[in-house]
N, C-alpha and C. Protein backbone atom coordinates (compact mmCIF):
# COMPACT_ATOMS: atom_id res chain seq x y z
N MET A 1 81.52 2.94 -37.91
CA MET A 1 82.87 3.53 -37.66
C MET A 1 82.50 4.73 -36.63
N ASN A 2 82.87 3.93 -35.67
CA ASN A 2 82.98 5.47 -34.16
C ASN A 2 83.85 6.29 -34.21
N ALA A 3 83.64 7.17 -33.86
CA ALA A 3 85.04 8.04 -33.76
C ALA A 3 84.82 8.87 -32.16
N ILE A 4 85.47 9.47 -31.59
CA ILE A 4 85.00 9.78 -30.42
C ILE A 4 86.09 11.28 -31.06
N ILE A 5 85.06 12.50 -30.13
CA ILE A 5 85.04 13.68 -30.68
C ILE A 5 85.72 14.46 -29.68
N THR A 6 86.28 14.82 -29.18
CA THR A 6 86.92 16.15 -27.33
C THR A 6 86.75 18.03 -27.58
N VAL A 7 85.60 18.01 -27.42
CA VAL A 7 85.88 19.85 -26.95
C VAL A 7 87.08 20.32 -25.78
N VAL A 8 87.31 21.34 -25.71
CA VAL A 8 87.32 22.23 -24.60
C VAL A 8 87.47 23.47 -24.81
N GLY A 9 87.49 23.97 -23.78
CA GLY A 9 88.28 25.70 -23.62
C GLY A 9 86.71 26.34 -22.73
N SER A 10 87.15 27.36 -22.46
CA SER A 10 86.02 28.50 -21.83
C SER A 10 84.69 28.31 -22.38
N ASP A 11 83.69 28.24 -21.55
CA ASP A 11 83.01 28.09 -21.36
C ASP A 11 81.67 29.37 -21.70
N LYS A 12 81.04 28.83 -23.03
CA LYS A 12 80.24 29.90 -23.48
C LYS A 12 78.92 29.70 -24.25
N VAL A 13 78.01 30.13 -24.71
CA VAL A 13 77.27 29.75 -24.86
C VAL A 13 77.51 29.44 -26.06
N GLY A 14 76.79 28.34 -26.75
CA GLY A 14 76.32 27.38 -28.21
C GLY A 14 77.14 26.91 -28.68
N ILE A 15 77.61 26.34 -27.75
CA ILE A 15 78.95 25.53 -28.06
C ILE A 15 78.85 23.97 -29.04
N ILE A 16 77.29 23.28 -27.91
CA ILE A 16 77.11 22.06 -28.07
C ILE A 16 76.42 22.17 -29.04
N ALA A 17 75.47 23.47 -29.26
CA ALA A 17 74.46 23.20 -29.77
C ALA A 17 75.21 23.42 -31.78
N LYS A 18 76.50 24.23 -31.97
CA LYS A 18 77.25 24.65 -33.32
C LYS A 18 78.09 23.10 -33.07
N VAL A 19 78.50 22.63 -32.70
CA VAL A 19 78.90 21.11 -32.83
C VAL A 19 78.08 20.52 -33.03
N SER A 20 77.08 19.70 -33.32
CA SER A 20 75.89 19.14 -32.97
C SER A 20 75.08 20.10 -34.34
N ALA A 21 75.14 20.54 -34.67
CA ALA A 21 74.70 21.45 -35.87
C ALA A 21 75.95 21.09 -37.39
N PHE A 22 77.12 20.99 -37.05
CA PHE A 22 77.88 20.57 -37.25
C PHE A 22 77.32 18.83 -38.29
N LEU A 23 77.38 18.09 -36.91
CA LEU A 23 77.22 17.17 -37.04
C LEU A 23 76.13 16.26 -38.05
N ALA A 24 74.78 16.96 -37.42
CA ALA A 24 74.35 16.88 -38.10
C ALA A 24 74.58 17.02 -39.42
N GLU A 25 74.36 18.48 -39.55
CA GLU A 25 74.90 19.08 -41.50
C GLU A 25 75.93 17.69 -42.20
N ARG A 26 76.60 17.22 -41.71
CA ARG A 26 76.47 16.15 -42.30
C ARG A 26 77.04 14.31 -41.63
N GLY A 27 75.61 14.02 -41.31
CA GLY A 27 74.60 12.78 -42.02
C GLY A 27 75.35 11.59 -40.54
N ILE A 28 76.88 12.80 -39.38
CA ILE A 28 77.56 11.46 -38.88
C ILE A 28 76.97 11.53 -36.84
N ASN A 29 76.10 10.65 -37.02
CA ASN A 29 74.89 10.84 -35.62
C ASN A 29 75.67 10.78 -33.97
N ILE A 30 75.52 11.21 -32.97
CA ILE A 30 75.83 11.22 -31.95
C ILE A 30 75.43 9.77 -30.77
N GLU A 31 76.31 9.31 -30.50
CA GLU A 31 75.93 7.50 -30.47
C GLU A 31 75.33 8.50 -28.68
N ASP A 32 77.04 8.85 -28.27
CA ASP A 32 77.56 9.21 -26.72
C ASP A 32 77.73 11.01 -26.53
N ILE A 33 77.34 11.14 -25.01
CA ILE A 33 77.78 12.61 -25.05
C ILE A 33 77.91 12.01 -23.34
N SER A 34 79.22 13.57 -22.99
CA SER A 34 78.98 13.67 -21.67
C SER A 34 79.43 15.04 -21.35
N GLN A 35 79.40 16.04 -21.21
CA GLN A 35 79.62 17.35 -21.16
C GLN A 35 79.83 18.28 -19.30
N THR A 36 80.43 18.31 -19.54
CA THR A 36 81.19 19.44 -17.77
C THR A 36 81.41 20.74 -18.14
N VAL A 37 81.30 21.73 -16.97
CA VAL A 37 81.79 23.16 -16.65
C VAL A 37 82.47 22.28 -15.65
N LEU A 38 84.58 23.17 -15.67
CA LEU A 38 84.86 23.09 -14.80
C LEU A 38 85.52 24.12 -14.33
N SER A 39 85.53 24.78 -13.21
CA SER A 39 85.29 26.11 -12.30
C SER A 39 85.84 27.90 -14.39
N GLY A 40 84.68 27.43 -14.88
CA GLY A 40 84.44 28.38 -15.64
C GLY A 40 84.95 27.55 -17.62
N ASN A 41 85.40 26.21 -17.64
CA ASN A 41 86.67 25.65 -18.60
C ASN A 41 85.12 24.45 -18.95
N PHE A 42 85.12 24.30 -20.32
CA PHE A 42 84.28 23.39 -21.36
C PHE A 42 84.48 22.32 -20.80
N VAL A 43 83.50 21.46 -20.99
CA VAL A 43 84.52 19.99 -21.02
C VAL A 43 83.70 19.00 -21.22
N MET A 44 83.51 18.53 -23.26
CA MET A 44 82.84 17.64 -23.97
C MET A 44 83.56 16.87 -24.88
N MET A 45 82.87 15.22 -24.44
CA MET A 45 83.52 13.94 -24.83
C MET A 45 82.24 13.47 -25.74
N MET A 46 82.38 12.71 -26.90
CA MET A 46 81.14 12.57 -27.64
C MET A 46 82.03 11.40 -28.05
N MET A 47 81.09 10.21 -27.75
CA MET A 47 81.22 9.44 -28.93
C MET A 47 80.15 9.52 -30.83
N VAL A 48 80.58 9.49 -31.61
CA VAL A 48 80.02 9.61 -32.75
C VAL A 48 80.29 8.61 -33.61
N SER A 49 79.07 8.34 -34.22
CA SER A 49 79.24 7.13 -35.48
C SER A 49 79.15 7.84 -37.28
N LEU A 50 80.40 7.12 -37.76
CA LEU A 50 80.10 8.13 -39.01
C LEU A 50 79.54 6.93 -39.81
N LYS A 51 78.96 7.25 -41.43
CA LYS A 51 78.55 6.27 -41.77
C LYS A 51 79.28 5.98 -42.61
N GLU A 52 79.20 4.85 -43.51
CA GLU A 52 79.87 4.50 -45.06
C GLU A 52 79.71 5.70 -45.78
N GLY A 53 80.54 6.43 -46.75
CA GLY A 53 80.28 7.13 -47.33
C GLY A 53 80.08 8.63 -47.64
N SER A 54 80.61 8.93 -45.38
CA SER A 54 80.66 9.86 -44.29
C SER A 54 81.82 10.94 -46.03
N SER A 55 82.16 12.11 -45.28
CA SER A 55 84.14 12.36 -46.11
C SER A 55 84.59 11.74 -43.94
N ALA A 56 85.78 11.41 -45.61
CA ALA A 56 86.76 11.28 -44.70
C ALA A 56 87.08 11.31 -43.52
N LEU A 57 87.59 10.94 -42.95
CA LEU A 57 88.08 11.40 -41.12
C LEU A 57 89.60 12.56 -41.44
N GLU A 58 89.85 12.67 -42.28
CA GLU A 58 91.06 13.74 -41.98
C GLU A 58 90.24 15.23 -42.43
N ASP A 59 89.14 14.60 -43.75
CA ASP A 59 88.69 16.15 -44.17
C ASP A 59 87.72 16.87 -42.76
N ILE A 60 86.62 16.48 -42.17
CA ILE A 60 85.97 16.07 -40.73
C ILE A 60 86.70 16.67 -40.00
N LYS A 61 88.51 15.86 -39.35
CA LYS A 61 89.26 16.63 -38.50
C LYS A 61 89.57 18.05 -38.56
N LYS A 62 89.36 18.33 -40.03
CA LYS A 62 90.25 19.29 -40.64
C LYS A 62 89.11 20.55 -39.66
N GLU A 63 87.68 20.69 -40.57
CA GLU A 63 86.76 21.24 -40.06
C GLU A 63 86.11 20.99 -38.20
N LEU A 64 87.05 20.65 -37.83
CA LEU A 64 86.02 20.36 -36.26
C LEU A 64 87.15 21.96 -36.58
N THR A 65 88.24 21.35 -36.23
CA THR A 65 89.68 22.58 -36.13
C THR A 65 89.04 23.55 -36.59
N SER A 66 88.70 23.92 -37.58
CA SER A 66 88.71 25.52 -37.99
C SER A 66 86.91 25.83 -37.14
N LEU A 67 85.93 25.12 -37.26
CA LEU A 67 85.12 24.97 -36.04
C LEU A 67 85.34 25.36 -35.06
N GLY A 68 85.85 24.65 -34.48
CA GLY A 68 86.49 25.47 -32.84
C GLY A 68 87.21 27.11 -32.71
N ASP A 69 87.93 27.02 -33.63
CA ASP A 69 89.12 28.18 -33.58
C ASP A 69 88.07 29.06 -34.00
N LYS A 70 86.57 29.15 -34.49
CA LYS A 70 85.12 30.18 -34.83
C LYS A 70 84.83 30.28 -33.59
N LEU A 71 84.89 28.93 -32.77
CA LEU A 71 84.78 29.30 -31.34
C LEU A 71 85.53 29.40 -29.44
N ASN A 72 86.67 30.04 -30.51
CA ASN A 72 87.67 29.70 -28.94
C ASN A 72 87.97 28.22 -28.49
N VAL A 73 87.61 27.05 -28.48
CA VAL A 73 87.58 26.32 -27.87
C VAL A 73 88.87 25.53 -28.40
N SER A 74 89.31 24.49 -28.02
CA SER A 74 89.65 22.82 -29.09
C SER A 74 89.04 21.78 -29.32
N ILE A 75 88.73 21.83 -30.21
CA ILE A 75 87.78 20.40 -30.63
C ILE A 75 88.58 19.37 -31.92
N SER A 76 89.18 17.54 -31.13
CA SER A 76 89.96 17.08 -32.01
C SER A 76 89.07 15.77 -31.68
N LEU A 77 89.11 15.51 -32.87
CA LEU A 77 88.80 13.36 -33.72
C LEU A 77 89.55 13.04 -33.38
N MET A 78 89.05 11.54 -32.79
CA MET A 78 89.52 10.65 -33.95
C MET A 78 89.05 9.52 -33.65
N HIS A 79 89.74 7.99 -33.75
CA HIS A 79 88.83 6.84 -34.22
C HIS A 79 88.72 6.23 -33.21
N GLU A 80 88.79 5.61 -33.09
CA GLU A 80 87.06 5.21 -31.87
C GLU A 80 88.18 4.26 -30.86
N LYS A 81 88.76 3.07 -31.84
CA LYS A 81 89.84 2.57 -31.76
C LYS A 81 91.13 3.43 -30.93
N VAL A 82 91.64 4.07 -31.31
CA VAL A 82 93.15 4.77 -32.22
C VAL A 82 93.18 5.25 -29.65
N PHE A 83 91.42 6.18 -29.81
CA PHE A 83 91.90 7.02 -28.44
C PHE A 83 91.47 5.26 -27.43
N SER A 84 91.09 4.52 -27.73
CA SER A 84 90.78 3.34 -26.39
C SER A 84 91.92 2.91 -26.37
N ALA A 85 92.62 3.06 -27.59
CA ALA A 85 94.79 2.56 -27.27
C ALA A 85 95.51 3.21 -26.71
N MET A 86 95.27 4.72 -26.52
CA MET A 86 95.20 5.43 -25.40
C MET A 86 95.79 5.98 -24.15
N HIS A 87 94.47 5.26 -24.23
CA HIS A 87 93.56 4.89 -22.43
C HIS A 87 94.04 3.51 -21.31
N ARG A 88 94.60 2.76 -22.78
CA ARG A 88 94.13 1.93 -22.46
C ARG A 88 95.36 1.31 -20.70
N ILE A 89 94.98 1.18 -20.25
CA ILE A 89 95.82 1.21 -18.29
C ILE A 89 97.36 -0.15 -18.58
């Protein structure tokens, strides 16, 4: 199953490293990643692949929200199909 993770907040050292480490510890592969800094604001979008038997999507969402709170950034995760439907023109 693919999912989309977005990270938004003030730029600081270690955001990509900490989010990537979180995913690696849970066996979640990063399929694609895009990030930029706009006027000091960090913006990152990742497409990730969750294996069968990985933690439930809701559990991962809660853990990512908690990580985001620690990093002072907003982290969200949604199923790829939901993301695509929300952004369809």
